[in-house]
Amino acid sequence: MSNVAFQGVVVLGGSGHAKVVIATLRAQGCRDLVVLDDDPEKQGRAILGVQICGSLENVRAYPGWQAIIAIGDNTARAAVARRISGASWTCAVHPTAFVEISAQIGEGTVIFAGAVVQPDSAIGTHVIINTGATVDHDCSIDDFVHLAPGVNLGGLISIGEGAFLGVGARVIPGVHIGSWATVGAGAVVIRDVPDRATVVGVPARAIRSRT
């Protein structure tokens, strides 16, 4: 797993999600931070006391610094990762999170306060394991997934690229959730979810599918 060296980190994105990323980096001991955002109205302002110093392209003005994407939307986060190619991505893992030593964590992933990642789970790149979310043993989570606060995954679950699980969603062991699928807040998933489907309810049922 990548760890934050105590050097500069460029935070890409200056909205609410960036506040939690900044707080997590600070909890790890990182003090040299700068935020970049493409919104001209945000540039020149500060977020949690960290200056927003121009657009995302300015990441190249910080050679030797690491970068992390602080954008909650999976599609937008994936687009930024492709756009800022060649960056030295770091992870943000809050000290109160538990990540078992056998778990694999990809570059650019964030794991927030109170989250748990259990043995032999594999987490991809630029994944968000949000506040208090739990990932049990032998789960496989692909790139750009977002587990919202309070999500609970049983063991042996696989989640495809870009899937989003809303606040408090629960998934029973052994289920597969397809790429770019959406699981509504509070849903209980007891069967596989196809790619790009949206499921809600207890038990979760499909309400639509995106092309």
N, C-alpha and C. Protein backbone atom coordinates (compact mmCIF):
# COMPACT_ATOMS: atom_id res chain seq x y z
N MET A 1 0.84 -1.19 0.00
CA MET A 1 0.00 0.00 0.00
C MET A 1 0.87 1.24 0.00
N SER A 2 0.47 2.23 -0.84
CA SER A 2 1.19 3.49 -0.85
C SER A 2 0.91 4.25 0.44
N ASN A 3 1.92 4.90 0.96
CA ASN A 3 1.75 5.71 2.15
C ASN A 3 2.17 7.13 1.86
N VAL A 4 1.57 8.07 2.58
CA VAL A 4 1.97 9.46 2.43
C VAL A 4 3.34 9.64 3.06
N ALA A 5 4.32 10.03 2.24
CA ALA A 5 5.58 10.49 2.80
C ALA A 5 5.31 11.90 3.32
N PHE A 6 6.07 12.34 4.29
CA PHE A 6 5.81 13.64 4.86
C PHE A 6 6.41 14.71 3.97
N GLN A 7 5.75 14.91 2.83
CA GLN A 7 6.16 15.88 1.84
C GLN A 7 4.89 16.51 1.28
N GLY A 8 5.03 17.36 0.26
CA GLY A 8 3.87 18.05 -0.26
C GLY A 8 2.89 17.14 -0.97
N VAL A 9 1.59 17.43 -0.78
CA VAL A 9 0.53 16.71 -1.48
C VAL A 9 -0.39 17.73 -2.15
N VAL A 10 -0.63 17.52 -3.43
CA VAL A 10 -1.57 18.34 -4.20
C VAL A 10 -2.93 17.67 -4.18
N VAL A 11 -3.93 18.35 -3.66
CA VAL A 11 -5.29 17.83 -3.58
C VAL A 11 -6.06 18.35 -4.79
N LEU A 12 -6.55 17.45 -5.63
CA LEU A 12 -7.23 17.83 -6.87
C LEU A 12 -8.74 17.82 -6.63
N GLY A 13 -9.32 19.00 -6.54
CA GLY A 13 -10.73 19.16 -6.24
C GLY A 13 -10.91 19.96 -4.96
N GLY A 14 -11.84 20.93 -5.01
CA GLY A 14 -11.98 21.82 -3.86
C GLY A 14 -13.39 21.92 -3.32
N SER A 15 -14.16 20.84 -3.40
CA SER A 15 -15.52 20.84 -2.86
C SER A 15 -15.55 20.17 -1.49
N GLY A 16 -16.75 19.78 -1.04
CA GLY A 16 -16.89 19.24 0.31
C GLY A 16 -16.08 17.99 0.56
N HIS A 17 -16.00 17.11 -0.45
CA HIS A 17 -15.23 15.88 -0.28
C HIS A 17 -13.76 16.19 0.02
N ALA A 18 -13.26 17.29 -0.55
CA ALA A 18 -11.86 17.66 -0.32
C ALA A 18 -11.59 17.96 1.15
N LYS A 19 -12.61 18.45 1.87
CA LYS A 19 -12.41 18.73 3.29
C LYS A 19 -12.03 17.45 4.04
N VAL A 20 -12.70 16.35 3.71
CA VAL A 20 -12.43 15.10 4.41
C VAL A 20 -11.06 14.55 4.00
N VAL A 21 -10.70 14.71 2.73
CA VAL A 21 -9.38 14.28 2.29
C VAL A 21 -8.29 15.08 3.00
N ILE A 22 -8.46 16.40 3.06
CA ILE A 22 -7.48 17.25 3.75
C ILE A 22 -7.37 16.87 5.22
N ALA A 23 -8.51 16.67 5.89
CA ALA A 23 -8.49 16.30 7.30
C ALA A 23 -7.78 14.97 7.51
N THR A 24 -7.97 14.04 6.58
CA THR A 24 -7.33 12.73 6.70
C THR A 24 -5.82 12.85 6.50
N LEU A 25 -5.40 13.62 5.50
CA LEU A 25 -3.97 13.83 5.28
C LEU A 25 -3.31 14.50 6.49
N ARG A 26 -3.99 15.48 7.06
CA ARG A 26 -3.44 16.14 8.24
C ARG A 26 -3.33 15.17 9.42
N ALA A 27 -4.34 14.31 9.57
CA ALA A 27 -4.29 13.32 10.65
C ALA A 27 -3.12 12.37 10.49
N GLN A 28 -2.68 12.17 9.23
CA GLN A 28 -1.50 11.33 8.96
C GLN A 28 -0.20 12.08 9.20
N GLY A 29 -0.28 13.38 9.41
CA GLY A 29 0.93 14.16 9.65
C GLY A 29 1.39 15.00 8.50
N CYS A 30 0.63 15.03 7.40
CA CYS A 30 1.02 15.83 6.24
C CYS A 30 0.60 17.28 6.45
N ARG A 31 1.54 18.21 6.34
CA ARG A 31 1.25 19.62 6.57
C ARG A 31 1.40 20.48 5.31
N ASP A 32 2.16 20.03 4.34
CA ASP A 32 2.38 20.82 3.13
C ASP A 32 1.34 20.41 2.09
N LEU A 33 0.29 21.22 1.97
CA LEU A 33 -0.84 20.90 1.12
C LEU A 33 -1.19 22.09 0.25
N VAL A 34 -1.66 21.80 -0.95
CA VAL A 34 -2.23 22.81 -1.82
C VAL A 34 -3.42 22.17 -2.53
N VAL A 35 -4.45 22.97 -2.82
CA VAL A 35 -5.64 22.48 -3.51
C VAL A 35 -5.71 23.12 -4.89
N LEU A 36 -6.12 22.32 -5.88
CA LEU A 36 -6.35 22.81 -7.23
C LEU A 36 -7.78 22.48 -7.64
N ASP A 37 -8.43 23.41 -8.35
CA ASP A 37 -9.80 23.19 -8.80
C ASP A 37 -10.02 24.01 -10.07
N ASP A 38 -10.77 23.44 -11.02
CA ASP A 38 -10.99 24.11 -12.29
C ASP A 38 -12.02 25.24 -12.21
N ASP A 39 -12.77 25.32 -11.13
CA ASP A 39 -13.79 26.35 -10.99
C ASP A 39 -13.13 27.70 -10.67
N PRO A 40 -13.23 28.67 -11.60
CA PRO A 40 -12.56 29.96 -11.35
C PRO A 40 -13.06 30.67 -10.09
N GLU A 41 -14.32 30.42 -9.71
CA GLU A 41 -14.86 31.08 -8.53
C GLU A 41 -14.23 30.57 -7.23
N LYS A 42 -13.67 29.38 -7.27
CA LYS A 42 -13.02 28.82 -6.09
C LYS A 42 -11.55 29.22 -6.00
N GLN A 43 -10.95 29.49 -7.12
CA GLN A 43 -9.52 29.79 -7.15
C GLN A 43 -9.22 31.07 -6.38
N GLY A 44 -8.17 31.01 -5.58
CA GLY A 44 -7.80 32.14 -4.73
C GLY A 44 -8.42 32.08 -3.35
N ARG A 45 -9.41 31.21 -3.17
CA ARG A 45 -10.00 31.02 -1.85
C ARG A 45 -9.24 29.93 -1.09
N ALA A 46 -9.73 29.61 0.09
CA ALA A 46 -9.10 28.56 0.90
C ALA A 46 -10.17 27.58 1.35
N ILE A 47 -9.75 26.35 1.55
CA ILE A 47 -10.62 25.31 2.09
C ILE A 47 -9.89 24.67 3.26
N LEU A 48 -10.49 24.75 4.44
CA LEU A 48 -9.85 24.33 5.69
C LEU A 48 -8.46 24.96 5.85
N GLY A 49 -8.36 26.20 5.40
CA GLY A 49 -7.10 26.92 5.53
C GLY A 49 -6.07 26.60 4.47
N VAL A 50 -6.42 25.77 3.48
CA VAL A 50 -5.50 25.41 2.40
C VAL A 50 -5.88 26.21 1.15
N GLN A 51 -4.92 26.90 0.56
CA GLN A 51 -5.18 27.76 -0.58
C GLN A 51 -5.51 26.96 -1.83
N ILE A 52 -6.51 27.45 -2.60
CA ILE A 52 -6.83 26.88 -3.91
C ILE A 52 -6.06 27.68 -4.95
N CYS A 53 -5.04 27.05 -5.53
CA CYS A 53 -4.02 27.76 -6.31
C CYS A 53 -4.14 27.46 -7.81
N GLY A 54 -5.34 27.65 -8.36
CA GLY A 54 -5.48 27.51 -9.80
C GLY A 54 -6.11 26.19 -10.21
N SER A 55 -6.07 25.93 -11.51
CA SER A 55 -6.73 24.77 -12.10
C SER A 55 -5.92 23.50 -11.90
N LEU A 56 -6.53 22.38 -12.26
CA LEU A 56 -5.87 21.08 -12.09
C LEU A 56 -4.57 20.99 -12.89
N GLU A 57 -4.49 21.68 -14.00
CA GLU A 57 -3.27 21.62 -14.81
C GLU A 57 -2.06 22.14 -14.05
N ASN A 58 -2.28 22.94 -13.01
CA ASN A 58 -1.16 23.48 -12.23
C ASN A 58 -0.44 22.43 -11.40
N VAL A 59 -0.93 21.19 -11.42
CA VAL A 59 -0.25 20.12 -10.68
C VAL A 59 1.19 20.00 -11.14
N ARG A 60 1.46 20.36 -12.39
CA ARG A 60 2.83 20.26 -12.91
C ARG A 60 3.75 21.33 -12.33
N ALA A 61 3.18 22.30 -11.64
CA ALA A 61 4.00 23.33 -10.99
C ALA A 61 4.54 22.88 -9.64
N TYR A 62 4.24 21.64 -9.26
CA TYR A 62 4.68 21.11 -7.96
C TYR A 62 5.48 19.82 -8.17
N PRO A 63 6.62 19.92 -8.84
CA PRO A 63 7.42 18.71 -9.08
C PRO A 63 7.90 18.10 -7.78
N GLY A 64 7.84 16.78 -7.71
CA GLY A 64 8.26 16.08 -6.50
C GLY A 64 7.15 15.91 -5.48
N TRP A 65 6.03 16.63 -5.66
CA TRP A 65 4.90 16.47 -4.76
C TRP A 65 4.06 15.29 -5.23
N GLN A 66 3.35 14.68 -4.29
CA GLN A 66 2.39 13.65 -4.63
C GLN A 66 1.01 14.29 -4.85
N ALA A 67 0.10 13.53 -5.45
CA ALA A 67 -1.23 14.06 -5.75
C ALA A 67 -2.29 13.07 -5.30
N ILE A 68 -3.49 13.60 -5.04
CA ILE A 68 -4.63 12.77 -4.69
C ILE A 68 -5.89 13.46 -5.20
N ILE A 69 -6.83 12.69 -5.73
CA ILE A 69 -8.06 13.26 -6.28
C ILE A 69 -9.12 13.30 -5.18
N ALA A 70 -9.64 14.50 -4.93
CA ALA A 70 -10.65 14.68 -3.88
C ALA A 70 -11.98 15.03 -4.52
N ILE A 71 -12.50 14.11 -5.32
CA ILE A 71 -13.77 14.28 -6.03
C ILE A 71 -14.62 13.05 -5.75
N GLY A 72 -15.81 13.25 -5.18
CA GLY A 72 -16.63 12.12 -4.78
C GLY A 72 -17.30 11.41 -5.95
N ASP A 73 -17.64 12.14 -7.02
CA ASP A 73 -18.30 11.55 -8.17
C ASP A 73 -17.35 10.63 -8.93
N ASN A 74 -17.77 9.38 -9.13
CA ASN A 74 -16.86 8.38 -9.70
C ASN A 74 -16.47 8.69 -11.14
N THR A 75 -17.43 9.11 -11.95
CA THR A 75 -17.14 9.42 -13.35
C THR A 75 -16.15 10.58 -13.45
N ALA A 76 -16.38 11.62 -12.67
CA ALA A 76 -15.48 12.77 -12.69
C ALA A 76 -14.09 12.40 -12.18
N ARG A 77 -14.03 11.57 -11.14
CA ARG A 77 -12.73 11.16 -10.60
C ARG A 77 -11.94 10.35 -11.62
N ALA A 78 -12.63 9.46 -12.33
CA ALA A 78 -11.96 8.67 -13.36
C ALA A 78 -11.44 9.56 -14.49
N ALA A 79 -12.22 10.58 -14.86
CA ALA A 79 -11.80 11.49 -15.92
C ALA A 79 -10.55 12.27 -15.51
N VAL A 80 -10.50 12.71 -14.26
CA VAL A 80 -9.32 13.44 -13.78
C VAL A 80 -8.09 12.52 -13.76
N ALA A 81 -8.27 11.28 -13.34
CA ALA A 81 -7.14 10.34 -13.30
C ALA A 81 -6.56 10.13 -14.69
N ARG A 82 -7.43 10.08 -15.71
CA ARG A 82 -6.94 9.93 -17.09
C ARG A 82 -6.27 11.21 -17.57
N ARG A 83 -6.85 12.33 -17.17
CA ARG A 83 -6.35 13.63 -17.64
C ARG A 83 -4.98 13.96 -17.04
N ILE A 84 -4.81 13.70 -15.77
CA ILE A 84 -3.54 14.02 -15.09
C ILE A 84 -2.67 12.76 -15.12
N SER A 85 -2.28 12.35 -16.29
CA SER A 85 -1.47 11.13 -16.42
C SER A 85 -0.05 11.39 -15.94
N GLY A 86 0.55 10.37 -15.40
CA GLY A 86 1.93 10.48 -14.96
C GLY A 86 2.12 11.08 -13.59
N ALA A 87 1.03 11.42 -12.90
CA ALA A 87 1.15 11.96 -11.54
C ALA A 87 1.64 10.89 -10.58
N SER A 88 2.28 11.33 -9.52
CA SER A 88 2.69 10.42 -8.45
C SER A 88 1.56 10.39 -7.42
N TRP A 89 0.69 9.37 -7.53
CA TRP A 89 -0.49 9.31 -6.68
C TRP A 89 -0.14 8.77 -5.30
N THR A 90 -0.76 9.34 -4.29
CA THR A 90 -0.62 8.84 -2.93
C THR A 90 -1.97 8.38 -2.40
N CYS A 91 -1.97 7.72 -1.28
CA CYS A 91 -3.19 7.31 -0.58
C CYS A 91 -3.39 8.19 0.64
N ALA A 92 -4.63 8.25 1.10
CA ALA A 92 -4.94 8.90 2.38
C ALA A 92 -5.69 7.88 3.23
N VAL A 93 -5.08 7.48 4.34
CA VAL A 93 -5.68 6.49 5.24
C VAL A 93 -5.70 7.07 6.64
N HIS A 94 -6.89 7.30 7.16
CA HIS A 94 -7.00 7.93 8.48
C HIS A 94 -6.44 7.00 9.56
N PRO A 95 -5.75 7.57 10.55
CA PRO A 95 -5.18 6.73 11.62
C PRO A 95 -6.19 5.90 12.38
N THR A 96 -7.46 6.32 12.40
CA THR A 96 -8.46 5.53 13.11
C THR A 96 -9.08 4.43 12.25
N ALA A 97 -8.73 4.37 10.98
CA ALA A 97 -9.18 3.27 10.13
C ALA A 97 -8.35 2.03 10.43
N PHE A 98 -8.95 0.85 10.22
CA PHE A 98 -8.22 -0.41 10.37
C PHE A 98 -8.09 -1.05 9.00
N VAL A 99 -6.85 -1.22 8.56
CA VAL A 99 -6.57 -1.90 7.29
C VAL A 99 -5.66 -3.08 7.62
N GLU A 100 -6.18 -4.29 7.51
CA GLU A 100 -5.40 -5.48 7.85
C GLU A 100 -4.20 -5.60 6.91
N ILE A 101 -3.09 -6.09 7.44
CA ILE A 101 -1.82 -6.06 6.73
C ILE A 101 -1.86 -6.83 5.41
N SER A 102 -2.71 -7.83 5.29
CA SER A 102 -2.77 -8.61 4.05
C SER A 102 -3.65 -7.96 2.97
N ALA A 103 -4.36 -6.90 3.32
CA ALA A 103 -5.19 -6.21 2.33
C ALA A 103 -4.31 -5.44 1.36
N GLN A 104 -4.75 -5.36 0.11
CA GLN A 104 -4.03 -4.61 -0.92
C GLN A 104 -4.81 -3.33 -1.22
N ILE A 105 -4.11 -2.20 -1.21
CA ILE A 105 -4.74 -0.90 -1.43
C ILE A 105 -4.05 -0.22 -2.61
N GLY A 106 -4.83 0.13 -3.65
CA GLY A 106 -4.27 0.75 -4.84
C GLY A 106 -3.96 2.22 -4.65
N GLU A 107 -3.16 2.75 -5.56
CA GLU A 107 -2.74 4.15 -5.48
C GLU A 107 -3.94 5.08 -5.64
N GLY A 108 -3.87 6.21 -4.93
CA GLY A 108 -4.91 7.21 -5.02
C GLY A 108 -6.15 6.94 -4.19
N THR A 109 -6.19 5.81 -3.50
CA THR A 109 -7.36 5.44 -2.72
C THR A 109 -7.39 6.20 -1.40
N VAL A 110 -8.62 6.53 -0.94
CA VAL A 110 -8.79 7.20 0.35
C VAL A 110 -9.63 6.31 1.26
N ILE A 111 -9.20 6.21 2.52
CA ILE A 111 -9.90 5.40 3.53
C ILE A 111 -10.07 6.30 4.75
N PHE A 112 -11.31 6.63 5.05
CA PHE A 112 -11.58 7.67 6.02
C PHE A 112 -11.77 7.12 7.44
N ALA A 113 -12.01 8.02 8.37
CA ALA A 113 -12.05 7.70 9.79
C ALA A 113 -13.06 6.59 10.08
N GLY A 114 -12.62 5.62 10.88
CA GLY A 114 -13.50 4.56 11.34
C GLY A 114 -13.78 3.45 10.34
N ALA A 115 -13.19 3.54 9.16
CA ALA A 115 -13.41 2.49 8.16
C ALA A 115 -12.60 1.24 8.52
N VAL A 116 -13.05 0.10 7.99
CA VAL A 116 -12.38 -1.18 8.25
C VAL A 116 -12.21 -1.93 6.93
N VAL A 117 -11.00 -2.43 6.70
CA VAL A 117 -10.73 -3.29 5.55
C VAL A 117 -10.09 -4.57 6.09
N GLN A 118 -10.77 -5.69 5.93
CA GLN A 118 -10.38 -6.93 6.56
C GLN A 118 -9.43 -7.77 5.66
N PRO A 119 -8.93 -8.92 6.18
CA PRO A 119 -7.86 -9.66 5.51
C PRO A 119 -8.17 -10.06 4.07
N ASP A 120 -7.10 -10.01 3.26
CA ASP A 120 -7.08 -10.49 1.87
C ASP A 120 -8.10 -9.81 0.98
N SER A 121 -8.53 -8.63 1.35
CA SER A 121 -9.34 -7.83 0.44
C SER A 121 -8.41 -7.04 -0.48
N ALA A 122 -8.88 -6.82 -1.71
CA ALA A 122 -8.09 -6.09 -2.71
C ALA A 122 -8.88 -4.86 -3.14
N ILE A 123 -8.32 -3.69 -2.88
CA ILE A 123 -8.96 -2.42 -3.21
C ILE A 123 -8.20 -1.80 -4.37
N GLY A 124 -8.91 -1.37 -5.41
CA GLY A 124 -8.27 -0.83 -6.61
C GLY A 124 -7.77 0.59 -6.43
N THR A 125 -7.56 1.27 -7.55
CA THR A 125 -7.02 2.63 -7.55
C THR A 125 -8.14 3.66 -7.47
N HIS A 126 -7.85 4.77 -6.79
CA HIS A 126 -8.77 5.90 -6.69
C HIS A 126 -10.15 5.50 -6.16
N VAL A 127 -10.14 4.59 -5.22
CA VAL A 127 -11.36 4.14 -4.55
C VAL A 127 -11.60 5.01 -3.33
N ILE A 128 -12.87 5.20 -2.97
CA ILE A 128 -13.24 5.90 -1.74
C ILE A 128 -13.90 4.91 -0.79
N ILE A 129 -13.26 4.67 0.35
CA ILE A 129 -13.87 3.93 1.45
C ILE A 129 -14.23 4.98 2.49
N ASN A 130 -15.48 5.40 2.49
CA ASN A 130 -15.86 6.59 3.24
C ASN A 130 -16.03 6.29 4.73
N THR A 131 -16.38 7.32 5.48
CA THR A 131 -16.39 7.28 6.94
C THR A 131 -17.22 6.09 7.46
N GLY A 132 -16.57 5.25 8.26
CA GLY A 132 -17.26 4.16 8.92
C GLY A 132 -17.68 3.00 8.04
N ALA A 133 -17.27 2.98 6.78
CA ALA A 133 -17.61 1.86 5.90
C ALA A 133 -16.76 0.64 6.27
N THR A 134 -17.31 -0.56 6.07
CA THR A 134 -16.56 -1.78 6.40
C THR A 134 -16.52 -2.71 5.20
N VAL A 135 -15.35 -3.29 4.99
CA VAL A 135 -15.10 -4.24 3.91
C VAL A 135 -14.58 -5.52 4.56
N ASP A 136 -15.36 -6.59 4.49
CA ASP A 136 -14.93 -7.80 5.18
C ASP A 136 -13.96 -8.61 4.31
N HIS A 137 -13.61 -9.80 4.78
CA HIS A 137 -12.52 -10.58 4.20
C HIS A 137 -12.76 -10.93 2.73
N ASP A 138 -11.66 -10.97 1.97
CA ASP A 138 -11.64 -11.50 0.60
C ASP A 138 -12.56 -10.75 -0.36
N CYS A 139 -12.79 -9.49 -0.11
CA CYS A 139 -13.56 -8.70 -1.08
C CYS A 139 -12.63 -8.18 -2.17
N SER A 140 -13.19 -7.95 -3.34
CA SER A 140 -12.46 -7.38 -4.46
C SER A 140 -13.21 -6.14 -4.94
N ILE A 141 -12.57 -4.99 -4.83
CA ILE A 141 -13.20 -3.71 -5.18
C ILE A 141 -12.37 -3.07 -6.29
N ASP A 142 -12.99 -2.87 -7.44
CA ASP A 142 -12.27 -2.38 -8.61
C ASP A 142 -12.06 -0.86 -8.53
N ASP A 143 -11.37 -0.31 -9.53
CA ASP A 143 -11.00 1.10 -9.55
C ASP A 143 -12.24 2.00 -9.54
N PHE A 144 -12.09 3.18 -8.93
CA PHE A 144 -13.07 4.27 -8.96
C PHE A 144 -14.40 3.95 -8.27
N VAL A 145 -14.43 2.93 -7.45
CA VAL A 145 -15.62 2.63 -6.65
C VAL A 145 -15.72 3.63 -5.50
N HIS A 146 -16.95 3.93 -5.07
CA HIS A 146 -17.18 4.78 -3.90
C HIS A 146 -18.13 4.06 -2.96
N LEU A 147 -17.62 3.71 -1.78
CA LEU A 147 -18.46 3.19 -0.70
C LEU A 147 -18.78 4.37 0.22
N ALA A 148 -20.02 4.82 0.24
CA ALA A 148 -20.43 5.97 1.03
C ALA A 148 -20.36 5.65 2.52
N PRO A 149 -20.51 6.67 3.38
CA PRO A 149 -20.43 6.43 4.82
C PRO A 149 -21.39 5.33 5.28
N GLY A 150 -20.87 4.46 6.14
CA GLY A 150 -21.69 3.44 6.77
C GLY A 150 -22.03 2.24 5.92
N VAL A 151 -21.45 2.11 4.74
CA VAL A 151 -21.67 0.91 3.92
C VAL A 151 -21.04 -0.30 4.60
N ASN A 152 -21.72 -1.45 4.56
CA ASN A 152 -21.20 -2.70 5.13
C ASN A 152 -21.18 -3.77 4.06
N LEU A 153 -19.98 -4.30 3.79
CA LEU A 153 -19.82 -5.40 2.84
C LEU A 153 -19.49 -6.67 3.60
N GLY A 154 -20.22 -7.75 3.34
CA GLY A 154 -19.83 -9.05 3.86
C GLY A 154 -18.60 -9.57 3.12
N GLY A 155 -18.19 -10.78 3.45
CA GLY A 155 -17.00 -11.35 2.83
C GLY A 155 -17.25 -11.82 1.40
N LEU A 156 -16.15 -11.93 0.64
CA LEU A 156 -16.17 -12.53 -0.70
C LEU A 156 -17.06 -11.79 -1.68
N ILE A 157 -17.18 -10.48 -1.53
CA ILE A 157 -17.96 -9.65 -2.44
C ILE A 157 -17.03 -9.06 -3.49
N SER A 158 -17.53 -8.97 -4.73
CA SER A 158 -16.78 -8.30 -5.78
C SER A 158 -17.60 -7.12 -6.30
N ILE A 159 -16.91 -6.00 -6.51
CA ILE A 159 -17.56 -4.78 -6.98
C ILE A 159 -16.80 -4.28 -8.20
N GLY A 160 -17.52 -4.08 -9.31
CA GLY A 160 -16.91 -3.66 -10.55
C GLY A 160 -16.56 -2.19 -10.57
N GLU A 161 -15.78 -1.81 -11.56
CA GLU A 161 -15.27 -0.45 -11.71
C GLU A 161 -16.40 0.58 -11.64
N GLY A 162 -16.14 1.65 -10.88
CA GLY A 162 -17.01 2.81 -10.88
C GLY A 162 -18.34 2.67 -10.18
N ALA A 163 -18.57 1.55 -9.50
CA ALA A 163 -19.86 1.38 -8.81
C ALA A 163 -19.95 2.33 -7.62
N PHE A 164 -21.18 2.73 -7.29
CA PHE A 164 -21.43 3.60 -6.14
C PHE A 164 -22.42 2.94 -5.22
N LEU A 165 -22.06 2.84 -3.93
CA LEU A 165 -22.95 2.30 -2.90
C LEU A 165 -23.30 3.42 -1.94
N GLY A 166 -24.59 3.75 -1.83
CA GLY A 166 -25.04 4.88 -1.04
C GLY A 166 -24.95 4.66 0.45
N VAL A 167 -25.19 5.72 1.20
CA VAL A 167 -25.03 5.73 2.66
C VAL A 167 -25.82 4.57 3.29
N GLY A 168 -25.11 3.78 4.09
CA GLY A 168 -25.74 2.73 4.86
C GLY A 168 -26.17 1.50 4.08
N ALA A 169 -25.77 1.38 2.82
CA ALA A 169 -26.10 0.17 2.05
C ALA A 169 -25.39 -1.03 2.64
N ARG A 170 -26.03 -2.21 2.51
CA ARG A 170 -25.44 -3.45 3.02
C ARG A 170 -25.50 -4.52 1.92
N VAL A 171 -24.45 -5.33 1.87
CA VAL A 171 -24.35 -6.37 0.84
C VAL A 171 -23.99 -7.68 1.52
N ILE A 172 -24.78 -8.73 1.25
CA ILE A 172 -24.51 -10.01 1.89
C ILE A 172 -23.31 -10.69 1.22
N PRO A 173 -22.67 -11.65 1.89
CA PRO A 173 -21.46 -12.29 1.35
C PRO A 173 -21.69 -12.94 -0.02
N GLY A 174 -20.65 -12.87 -0.84
CA GLY A 174 -20.62 -13.59 -2.10
C GLY A 174 -21.29 -12.91 -3.27
N VAL A 175 -21.85 -11.73 -3.07
CA VAL A 175 -22.58 -11.04 -4.13
C VAL A 175 -21.61 -10.29 -5.04
N HIS A 176 -21.98 -10.18 -6.32
CA HIS A 176 -21.22 -9.35 -7.28
C HIS A 176 -22.05 -8.13 -7.64
N ILE A 177 -21.43 -6.95 -7.58
CA ILE A 177 -22.05 -5.70 -8.02
C ILE A 177 -21.31 -5.24 -9.26
N GLY A 178 -22.06 -5.03 -10.35
CA GLY A 178 -21.45 -4.76 -11.64
C GLY A 178 -20.83 -3.37 -11.76
N SER A 179 -20.07 -3.20 -12.83
CA SER A 179 -19.39 -1.94 -13.10
C SER A 179 -20.39 -0.80 -13.28
N TRP A 180 -20.09 0.33 -12.68
CA TRP A 180 -20.88 1.56 -12.81
C TRP A 180 -22.33 1.38 -12.36
N ALA A 181 -22.56 0.40 -11.52
CA ALA A 181 -23.87 0.22 -10.90
C ALA A 181 -24.03 1.20 -9.74
N THR A 182 -25.29 1.42 -9.35
CA THR A 182 -25.61 2.29 -8.22
C THR A 182 -26.51 1.53 -7.25
N VAL A 183 -26.11 1.54 -5.97
CA VAL A 183 -26.91 0.93 -4.92
C VAL A 183 -27.41 2.06 -4.03
N GLY A 184 -28.72 2.18 -3.90
CA GLY A 184 -29.30 3.29 -3.17
C GLY A 184 -28.99 3.26 -1.68
N ALA A 185 -29.11 4.41 -1.04
CA ALA A 185 -28.88 4.53 0.40
C ALA A 185 -29.80 3.58 1.16
N GLY A 186 -29.23 2.85 2.10
CA GLY A 186 -30.00 1.96 2.96
C GLY A 186 -30.44 0.66 2.31
N ALA A 187 -30.08 0.43 1.07
CA ALA A 187 -30.49 -0.80 0.38
C ALA A 187 -29.78 -2.01 0.98
N VAL A 188 -30.43 -3.17 0.88
CA VAL A 188 -29.83 -4.44 1.31
C VAL A 188 -29.75 -5.34 0.08
N VAL A 189 -28.53 -5.59 -0.37
CA VAL A 189 -28.31 -6.33 -1.61
C VAL A 189 -28.13 -7.80 -1.29
N ILE A 190 -29.02 -8.66 -1.81
CA ILE A 190 -28.96 -10.10 -1.53
C ILE A 190 -28.75 -10.92 -2.79
N ARG A 191 -28.66 -10.25 -3.94
CA ARG A 191 -28.37 -10.96 -5.20
C ARG A 191 -27.50 -10.07 -6.08
N ASP A 192 -26.89 -10.67 -7.10
CA ASP A 192 -25.99 -9.93 -7.97
C ASP A 192 -26.70 -8.74 -8.63
N VAL A 193 -25.91 -7.68 -8.87
CA VAL A 193 -26.41 -6.47 -9.51
C VAL A 193 -25.72 -6.33 -10.87
N PRO A 194 -26.47 -6.23 -11.96
CA PRO A 194 -25.84 -6.13 -13.28
C PRO A 194 -25.07 -4.82 -13.46
N ASP A 195 -24.20 -4.78 -14.46
CA ASP A 195 -23.50 -3.55 -14.81
C ASP A 195 -24.50 -2.44 -15.07
N ARG A 196 -24.20 -1.25 -14.54
CA ARG A 196 -24.93 -0.01 -14.81
C ARG A 196 -26.38 0.00 -14.30
N ALA A 197 -26.75 -1.00 -13.53
CA ALA A 197 -28.10 -1.02 -12.95
C ALA A 197 -28.15 -0.13 -11.71
N THR A 198 -29.34 0.37 -11.39
CA THR A 198 -29.59 1.07 -10.15
C THR A 198 -30.57 0.25 -9.33
N VAL A 199 -30.18 -0.09 -8.10
CA VAL A 199 -31.05 -0.89 -7.24
C VAL A 199 -31.31 -0.14 -5.94
N VAL A 200 -32.53 -0.31 -5.41
CA VAL A 200 -32.91 0.35 -4.16
C VAL A 200 -33.79 -0.59 -3.36
N GLY A 201 -33.90 -0.31 -2.06
CA GLY A 201 -34.88 -1.01 -1.24
C GLY A 201 -34.33 -2.16 -0.44
N VAL A 202 -35.22 -2.80 0.31
CA VAL A 202 -34.90 -3.94 1.18
C VAL A 202 -35.91 -5.05 0.89
N PRO A 203 -35.52 -6.11 0.22
CA PRO A 203 -34.23 -6.29 -0.44
C PRO A 203 -34.12 -5.41 -1.68
N ALA A 204 -32.90 -5.17 -2.14
CA ALA A 204 -32.68 -4.26 -3.26
C ALA A 204 -33.24 -4.83 -4.55
N ARG A 205 -33.94 -3.96 -5.30
CA ARG A 205 -34.50 -4.33 -6.59
C ARG A 205 -34.12 -3.27 -7.61
N ALA A 206 -33.95 -3.71 -8.87
CA ALA A 206 -33.55 -2.78 -9.93
C ALA A 206 -34.71 -1.84 -10.27
N ILE A 207 -34.37 -0.55 -10.47
CA ILE A 207 -35.37 0.41 -10.93
C ILE A 207 -35.04 0.96 -12.30
N ARG A 208 -33.78 0.87 -12.72
CA ARG A 208 -33.41 1.30 -14.07
C ARG A 208 -32.00 0.83 -14.38
N SER A 209 -31.63 0.98 -15.65
CA SER A 209 -30.28 0.63 -16.08
C SER A 209 -29.77 1.73 -17.00
N ARG A 210 -28.54 2.16 -16.79
CA ARG A 210 -27.95 3.20 -17.63
C ARG A 210 -27.26 2.57 -18.83
N THR A 211 -27.30 3.26 -19.97
CA THR A 211 -26.55 2.80 -21.14
C THR A 211 -25.16 3.36 -21.07
